[in-house]
Amino acid sequence: MLDRRTSALLQTINDFCASGTYKVFSEEDFLSAFPEGWGVTAESLSQMLVYLSENGYINIKYSGGGMYCVCPLPLGRSYCEREAEKKDESSVQLRYFMAAAFFGSFAGGVLAALVFALIGLLR
């Protein structure tokens, strides 16, 4: 399991290398893909790329001078696909729970109205 920054970096590489070929990136290309609040620096970017390469997610053909030639490997592509499926599943679950909460509260309101109506008729 990758942390959110490394996962976002892998997703960026997969997005730019949609054909599965090598692509040359500058540090600025990668750094601009991250929100400023995440604190990604050139050094941490380099560490994340090395980690992804060592663990078989990407292949780095060459790097130097702030330039990287990278290509996503099958493990990296399948990781991003699984993450996208998880997001889809969680959105379906959220819709199911929201519908269940709505109809449950609606049924509770109807039941409460019936109880108050019966109490009013019995008086």
N, C-alpha and C. Protein backbone atom coordinates (compact mmCIF):
# COMPACT_ATOMS: atom_id res chain seq x y z
N MET A 1 0.84 -1.18 0.00
CA MET A 1 0.00 0.00 0.00
C MET A 1 0.89 1.24 0.00
N LEU A 2 0.61 2.13 -0.90
CA LEU A 2 1.39 3.36 -1.02
C LEU A 2 0.72 4.48 -0.23
N ASP A 3 1.53 5.43 0.24
CA ASP A 3 0.94 6.60 0.88
C ASP A 3 0.31 7.48 -0.21
N ARG A 4 -0.43 8.50 0.22
CA ARG A 4 -1.21 9.28 -0.75
C ARG A 4 -0.32 10.05 -1.72
N ARG A 5 0.83 10.53 -1.25
CA ARG A 5 1.71 11.28 -2.15
C ARG A 5 2.32 10.37 -3.21
N THR A 6 2.81 9.21 -2.79
CA THR A 6 3.42 8.28 -3.74
C THR A 6 2.36 7.73 -4.69
N SER A 7 1.18 7.48 -4.17
CA SER A 7 0.08 7.01 -5.01
C SER A 7 -0.31 8.07 -6.04
N ALA A 8 -0.34 9.33 -5.64
CA ALA A 8 -0.66 10.42 -6.57
C ALA A 8 0.43 10.56 -7.63
N LEU A 9 1.68 10.37 -7.25
CA LEU A 9 2.78 10.43 -8.21
C LEU A 9 2.65 9.29 -9.24
N LEU A 10 2.34 8.10 -8.76
CA LEU A 10 2.16 6.97 -9.67
C LEU A 10 0.98 7.21 -10.60
N GLN A 11 -0.09 7.78 -10.08
CA GLN A 11 -1.25 8.09 -10.92
C GLN A 11 -0.89 9.13 -11.99
N THR A 12 -0.09 10.12 -11.63
CA THR A 12 0.36 11.13 -12.59
C THR A 12 1.18 10.49 -13.70
N ILE A 13 2.08 9.59 -13.32
CA ILE A 13 2.90 8.91 -14.33
C ILE A 13 2.01 8.08 -15.25
N ASN A 14 1.04 7.36 -14.67
CA ASN A 14 0.13 6.56 -15.49
C ASN A 14 -0.70 7.43 -16.42
N ASP A 15 -1.13 8.59 -15.94
CA ASP A 15 -1.93 9.49 -16.78
C ASP A 15 -1.13 10.01 -17.97
N PHE A 16 0.11 10.42 -17.71
CA PHE A 16 0.94 10.97 -18.78
C PHE A 16 1.45 9.90 -19.74
N CYS A 17 1.63 8.69 -19.25
CA CYS A 17 2.14 7.59 -20.08
C CYS A 17 1.01 6.61 -20.40
N ALA A 18 -0.08 7.13 -20.92
CA ALA A 18 -1.25 6.29 -21.18
C ALA A 18 -0.96 5.18 -22.17
N SER A 19 -0.03 5.40 -23.09
CA SER A 19 0.29 4.37 -24.07
C SER A 19 1.27 3.34 -23.52
N GLY A 20 1.77 3.55 -22.31
CA GLY A 20 2.70 2.60 -21.70
C GLY A 20 4.13 2.75 -22.16
N THR A 21 4.45 3.87 -22.78
CA THR A 21 5.81 4.10 -23.26
C THR A 21 6.55 5.05 -22.32
N TYR A 22 7.85 5.18 -22.56
CA TYR A 22 8.66 6.09 -21.75
C TYR A 22 8.31 7.53 -22.09
N LYS A 23 8.40 8.38 -21.07
CA LYS A 23 8.16 9.79 -21.26
C LYS A 23 9.15 10.55 -20.38
N VAL A 24 9.62 11.67 -20.88
CA VAL A 24 10.58 12.49 -20.15
C VAL A 24 9.80 13.55 -19.37
N PHE A 25 10.10 13.63 -18.09
CA PHE A 25 9.47 14.59 -17.19
C PHE A 25 10.54 15.46 -16.55
N SER A 26 10.16 16.68 -16.26
CA SER A 26 11.03 17.53 -15.44
C SER A 26 10.49 17.49 -14.01
N GLU A 27 11.30 17.92 -13.07
CA GLU A 27 10.84 17.98 -11.68
C GLU A 27 9.61 18.87 -11.56
N GLU A 28 9.59 19.94 -12.34
CA GLU A 28 8.46 20.87 -12.27
C GLU A 28 7.16 20.20 -12.74
N ASP A 29 7.27 19.30 -13.73
CA ASP A 29 6.08 18.57 -14.18
C ASP A 29 5.46 17.79 -13.03
N PHE A 30 6.31 17.11 -12.28
CA PHE A 30 5.81 16.32 -11.16
C PHE A 30 5.36 17.20 -10.01
N LEU A 31 6.16 18.20 -9.67
CA LEU A 31 5.84 19.04 -8.51
C LEU A 31 4.55 19.83 -8.72
N SER A 32 4.26 20.20 -9.95
CA SER A 32 3.03 20.95 -10.21
C SER A 32 1.78 20.08 -10.07
N ALA A 33 1.95 18.77 -10.06
CA ALA A 33 0.80 17.86 -9.92
C ALA A 33 0.36 17.72 -8.47
N PHE A 34 1.16 18.20 -7.52
CA PHE A 34 0.84 18.07 -6.10
C PHE A 34 0.32 19.38 -5.53
N PRO A 35 -0.66 19.32 -4.62
CA PRO A 35 -1.07 20.54 -3.91
C PRO A 35 0.08 21.04 -3.04
N GLU A 36 0.14 22.33 -2.84
CA GLU A 36 1.24 22.91 -2.06
C GLU A 36 1.24 22.43 -0.61
N GLY A 37 0.09 22.12 -0.07
CA GLY A 37 -0.01 21.69 1.32
C GLY A 37 0.58 20.32 1.58
N TRP A 38 0.88 19.57 0.55
CA TRP A 38 1.42 18.22 0.74
C TRP A 38 2.92 18.23 1.04
N GLY A 39 3.58 19.34 0.82
CA GLY A 39 4.99 19.47 1.17
C GLY A 39 5.93 18.62 0.34
N VAL A 40 5.64 18.44 -0.93
CA VAL A 40 6.52 17.64 -1.80
C VAL A 40 7.63 18.54 -2.30
N THR A 41 8.86 18.13 -2.07
CA THR A 41 10.04 18.86 -2.52
C THR A 41 10.75 18.02 -3.59
N ALA A 42 11.78 18.61 -4.19
CA ALA A 42 12.55 17.88 -5.20
C ALA A 42 13.20 16.64 -4.59
N GLU A 43 13.66 16.75 -3.36
CA GLU A 43 14.30 15.62 -2.69
C GLU A 43 13.29 14.51 -2.40
N SER A 44 12.12 14.87 -1.87
CA SER A 44 11.12 13.84 -1.57
C SER A 44 10.58 13.23 -2.86
N LEU A 45 10.50 14.03 -3.92
CA LEU A 45 10.08 13.51 -5.22
C LEU A 45 11.06 12.44 -5.70
N SER A 46 12.35 12.73 -5.58
CA SER A 46 13.37 11.78 -5.98
C SER A 46 13.26 10.49 -5.17
N GLN A 47 13.03 10.62 -3.87
CA GLN A 47 12.88 9.43 -3.01
C GLN A 47 11.66 8.61 -3.40
N MET A 48 10.56 9.28 -3.72
CA MET A 48 9.35 8.55 -4.13
C MET A 48 9.58 7.81 -5.44
N LEU A 49 10.27 8.46 -6.39
CA LEU A 49 10.55 7.81 -7.67
C LEU A 49 11.45 6.59 -7.49
N VAL A 50 12.45 6.71 -6.63
CA VAL A 50 13.33 5.57 -6.36
C VAL A 50 12.54 4.44 -5.70
N TYR A 51 11.67 4.78 -4.78
CA TYR A 51 10.86 3.76 -4.11
C TYR A 51 9.97 3.03 -5.12
N LEU A 52 9.31 3.80 -5.99
CA LEU A 52 8.44 3.19 -7.00
C LEU A 52 9.25 2.30 -7.94
N SER A 53 10.44 2.73 -8.28
CA SER A 53 11.29 1.95 -9.18
C SER A 53 11.78 0.67 -8.50
N GLU A 54 12.24 0.78 -7.26
CA GLU A 54 12.76 -0.39 -6.54
C GLU A 54 11.69 -1.44 -6.28
N ASN A 55 10.44 -1.01 -6.16
CA ASN A 55 9.36 -1.94 -5.86
C ASN A 55 8.57 -2.39 -7.09
N GLY A 56 9.05 -2.06 -8.28
CA GLY A 56 8.48 -2.59 -9.50
C GLY A 56 7.24 -1.89 -10.03
N TYR A 57 6.99 -0.67 -9.57
CA TYR A 57 5.84 0.09 -10.07
C TYR A 57 6.16 0.85 -11.36
N ILE A 58 7.41 1.35 -11.45
CA ILE A 58 7.84 2.11 -12.62
C ILE A 58 9.25 1.68 -13.00
N ASN A 59 9.66 2.05 -14.19
CA ASN A 59 11.03 1.86 -14.62
C ASN A 59 11.60 3.24 -14.95
N ILE A 60 12.75 3.54 -14.39
CA ILE A 60 13.42 4.81 -14.67
C ILE A 60 14.56 4.50 -15.63
N LYS A 61 14.43 4.99 -16.84
CA LYS A 61 15.47 4.76 -17.85
C LYS A 61 16.71 5.58 -17.54
N TYR A 62 16.50 6.86 -17.24
CA TYR A 62 17.59 7.71 -16.81
C TYR A 62 17.02 8.87 -16.00
N SER A 63 17.90 9.43 -15.17
CA SER A 63 17.52 10.61 -14.40
C SER A 63 18.78 11.45 -14.19
N GLY A 64 18.57 12.74 -14.15
CA GLY A 64 19.70 13.64 -13.91
C GLY A 64 19.34 15.05 -14.33
N GLY A 65 19.88 15.98 -13.62
CA GLY A 65 19.65 17.38 -13.95
C GLY A 65 18.20 17.80 -13.84
N GLY A 66 17.46 17.16 -12.95
CA GLY A 66 16.05 17.50 -12.78
C GLY A 66 15.15 16.91 -13.85
N MET A 67 15.66 15.98 -14.66
CA MET A 67 14.88 15.34 -15.70
C MET A 67 14.81 13.84 -15.42
N TYR A 68 13.65 13.24 -15.70
CA TYR A 68 13.44 11.82 -15.48
C TYR A 68 12.77 11.22 -16.71
N CYS A 69 13.26 10.08 -17.15
CA CYS A 69 12.61 9.33 -18.21
C CYS A 69 12.03 8.08 -17.56
N VAL A 70 10.70 8.04 -17.45
CA VAL A 70 10.05 6.96 -16.72
C VAL A 70 8.96 6.30 -17.56
N CYS A 71 8.64 5.08 -17.16
CA CYS A 71 7.59 4.31 -17.81
C CYS A 71 6.89 3.49 -16.73
N PRO A 72 5.57 3.49 -16.68
CA PRO A 72 4.88 2.65 -15.69
C PRO A 72 4.97 1.18 -16.08
N LEU A 73 5.13 0.33 -15.09
CA LEU A 73 5.17 -1.11 -15.30
C LEU A 73 3.79 -1.70 -15.01
N PRO A 74 3.54 -2.95 -15.37
CA PRO A 74 2.21 -3.54 -15.14
C PRO A 74 1.74 -3.46 -13.68
N LEU A 75 2.65 -3.63 -12.72
CA LEU A 75 2.27 -3.53 -11.31
C LEU A 75 1.75 -2.13 -10.99
N GLY A 76 2.39 -1.12 -11.55
CA GLY A 76 1.96 0.26 -11.31
C GLY A 76 0.62 0.56 -11.95
N ARG A 77 0.39 0.03 -13.13
CA ARG A 77 -0.91 0.22 -13.80
C ARG A 77 -2.02 -0.49 -13.04
N SER A 78 -1.77 -1.72 -12.61
CA SER A 78 -2.81 -2.47 -11.90
C SER A 78 -3.11 -1.84 -10.54
N TYR A 79 -2.08 -1.27 -9.89
CA TYR A 79 -2.32 -0.59 -8.61
C TYR A 79 -3.29 0.57 -8.79
N CYS A 80 -3.07 1.38 -9.82
CA CYS A 80 -3.95 2.53 -10.07
C CYS A 80 -5.35 2.08 -10.45
N GLU A 81 -5.46 0.98 -11.19
CA GLU A 81 -6.78 0.47 -11.55
C GLU A 81 -7.54 -0.02 -10.32
N ARG A 82 -6.84 -0.70 -9.41
CA ARG A 82 -7.48 -1.17 -8.18
C ARG A 82 -7.93 0.00 -7.31
N GLU A 83 -7.12 1.04 -7.25
CA GLU A 83 -7.49 2.23 -6.47
C GLU A 83 -8.73 2.90 -7.06
N ALA A 84 -8.82 2.95 -8.38
CA ALA A 84 -10.00 3.54 -9.03
C ALA A 84 -11.24 2.70 -8.74
N GLU A 85 -11.09 1.37 -8.73
CA GLU A 85 -12.22 0.49 -8.42
C GLU A 85 -12.67 0.69 -6.98
N LYS A 86 -11.72 0.86 -6.06
CA LYS A 86 -12.08 1.09 -4.66
C LYS A 86 -12.89 2.38 -4.51
N LYS A 87 -12.50 3.42 -5.24
CA LYS A 87 -13.22 4.68 -5.17
C LYS A 87 -14.64 4.51 -5.71
N ASP A 88 -14.77 3.74 -6.80
CA ASP A 88 -16.11 3.49 -7.36
C ASP A 88 -16.98 2.72 -6.37
N GLU A 89 -16.39 1.69 -5.73
CA GLU A 89 -17.14 0.90 -4.76
C GLU A 89 -17.57 1.75 -3.56
N SER A 90 -16.69 2.62 -3.10
CA SER A 90 -17.04 3.44 -1.94
C SER A 90 -18.13 4.45 -2.28
N SER A 91 -18.16 4.96 -3.51
CA SER A 91 -19.22 5.89 -3.88
C SER A 91 -20.56 5.17 -3.99
N VAL A 92 -20.56 3.92 -4.44
CA VAL A 92 -21.80 3.13 -4.50
C VAL A 92 -22.29 2.85 -3.09
N GLN A 93 -21.38 2.49 -2.19
CA GLN A 93 -21.76 2.23 -0.80
C GLN A 93 -22.32 3.50 -0.15
N LEU A 94 -21.71 4.63 -0.43
CA LEU A 94 -22.19 5.89 0.14
C LEU A 94 -23.61 6.18 -0.32
N ARG A 95 -23.88 5.98 -1.61
CA ARG A 95 -25.24 6.20 -2.12
C ARG A 95 -26.24 5.25 -1.46
N TYR A 96 -25.84 3.99 -1.27
CA TYR A 96 -26.72 3.02 -0.63
C TYR A 96 -27.04 3.45 0.80
N PHE A 97 -26.03 3.83 1.56
CA PHE A 97 -26.26 4.24 2.95
C PHE A 97 -27.07 5.53 3.04
N MET A 98 -26.86 6.44 2.12
CA MET A 98 -27.65 7.68 2.12
C MET A 98 -29.12 7.38 1.82
N ALA A 99 -29.37 6.48 0.88
CA ALA A 99 -30.75 6.10 0.56
C ALA A 99 -31.39 5.39 1.74
N ALA A 100 -30.65 4.49 2.38
CA ALA A 100 -31.19 3.78 3.54
C ALA A 100 -31.49 4.75 4.68
N ALA A 101 -30.64 5.72 4.91
CA ALA A 101 -30.88 6.70 5.97
C ALA A 101 -32.09 7.56 5.65
N PHE A 102 -32.24 7.95 4.39
CA PHE A 102 -33.38 8.78 4.01
C PHE A 102 -34.69 8.03 4.20
N PHE A 103 -34.76 6.82 3.65
CA PHE A 103 -36.01 6.07 3.76
C PHE A 103 -36.30 5.62 5.19
N GLY A 104 -35.27 5.34 5.96
CA GLY A 104 -35.46 4.99 7.37
C GLY A 104 -36.02 6.17 8.16
N SER A 105 -35.48 7.35 7.93
CA SER A 105 -35.99 8.52 8.65
C SER A 105 -37.39 8.89 8.17
N PHE A 106 -37.66 8.69 6.88
CA PHE A 106 -39.00 8.96 6.36
C PHE A 106 -40.02 8.01 7.00
N ALA A 107 -39.66 6.72 7.07
CA ALA A 107 -40.56 5.75 7.69
C ALA A 107 -40.76 6.05 9.17
N GLY A 108 -39.71 6.48 9.85
CA GLY A 108 -39.83 6.85 11.26
C GLY A 108 -40.76 8.05 11.44
N GLY A 109 -40.68 9.01 10.55
CA GLY A 109 -41.55 10.18 10.62
C GLY A 109 -43.00 9.81 10.39
N VAL A 110 -43.26 8.92 9.43
CA VAL A 110 -44.62 8.47 9.16
C VAL A 110 -45.16 7.70 10.36
N LEU A 111 -44.34 6.83 10.92
CA LEU A 111 -44.77 6.06 12.10
C LEU A 111 -45.07 6.98 13.28
N ALA A 112 -44.24 7.98 13.49
CA ALA A 112 -44.48 8.92 14.59
C ALA A 112 -45.78 9.69 14.36
N ALA A 113 -46.05 10.09 13.12
CA ALA A 113 -47.29 10.81 12.82
C ALA A 113 -48.50 9.91 13.08
N LEU A 114 -48.41 8.64 12.73
CA LEU A 114 -49.51 7.71 12.98
C LEU A 114 -49.74 7.53 14.48
N VAL A 115 -48.67 7.41 15.24
CA VAL A 115 -48.81 7.26 16.70
C VAL A 115 -49.49 8.48 17.30
N PHE A 116 -49.07 9.67 16.90
CA PHE A 116 -49.69 10.88 17.44
C PHE A 116 -51.15 10.99 16.99
N ALA A 117 -51.45 10.56 15.78
CA ALA A 117 -52.84 10.59 15.31
C ALA A 117 -53.69 9.61 16.12
N LEU A 118 -53.17 8.42 16.41
CA LEU A 118 -53.92 7.45 17.23
C LEU A 118 -54.12 7.95 18.64
N ILE A 119 -53.10 8.58 19.21
CA ILE A 119 -53.24 9.14 20.55
C ILE A 119 -54.30 10.24 20.54
N GLY A 120 -54.34 11.02 19.51
CA GLY A 120 -55.33 12.09 19.40
C GLY A 120 -56.74 11.52 19.25
N LEU A 121 -56.92 10.40 18.56
CA LEU A 121 -58.23 9.78 18.39
C LEU A 121 -58.70 9.11 19.66
N LEU A 122 -57.81 8.60 20.47
CA LEU A 122 -58.17 7.90 21.70
C LEU A 122 -58.52 8.85 22.83
N ARG A 123 -58.27 10.09 22.73
CA ARG A 123 -58.58 11.04 23.79
C ARG A 123 -59.99 11.42 23.80
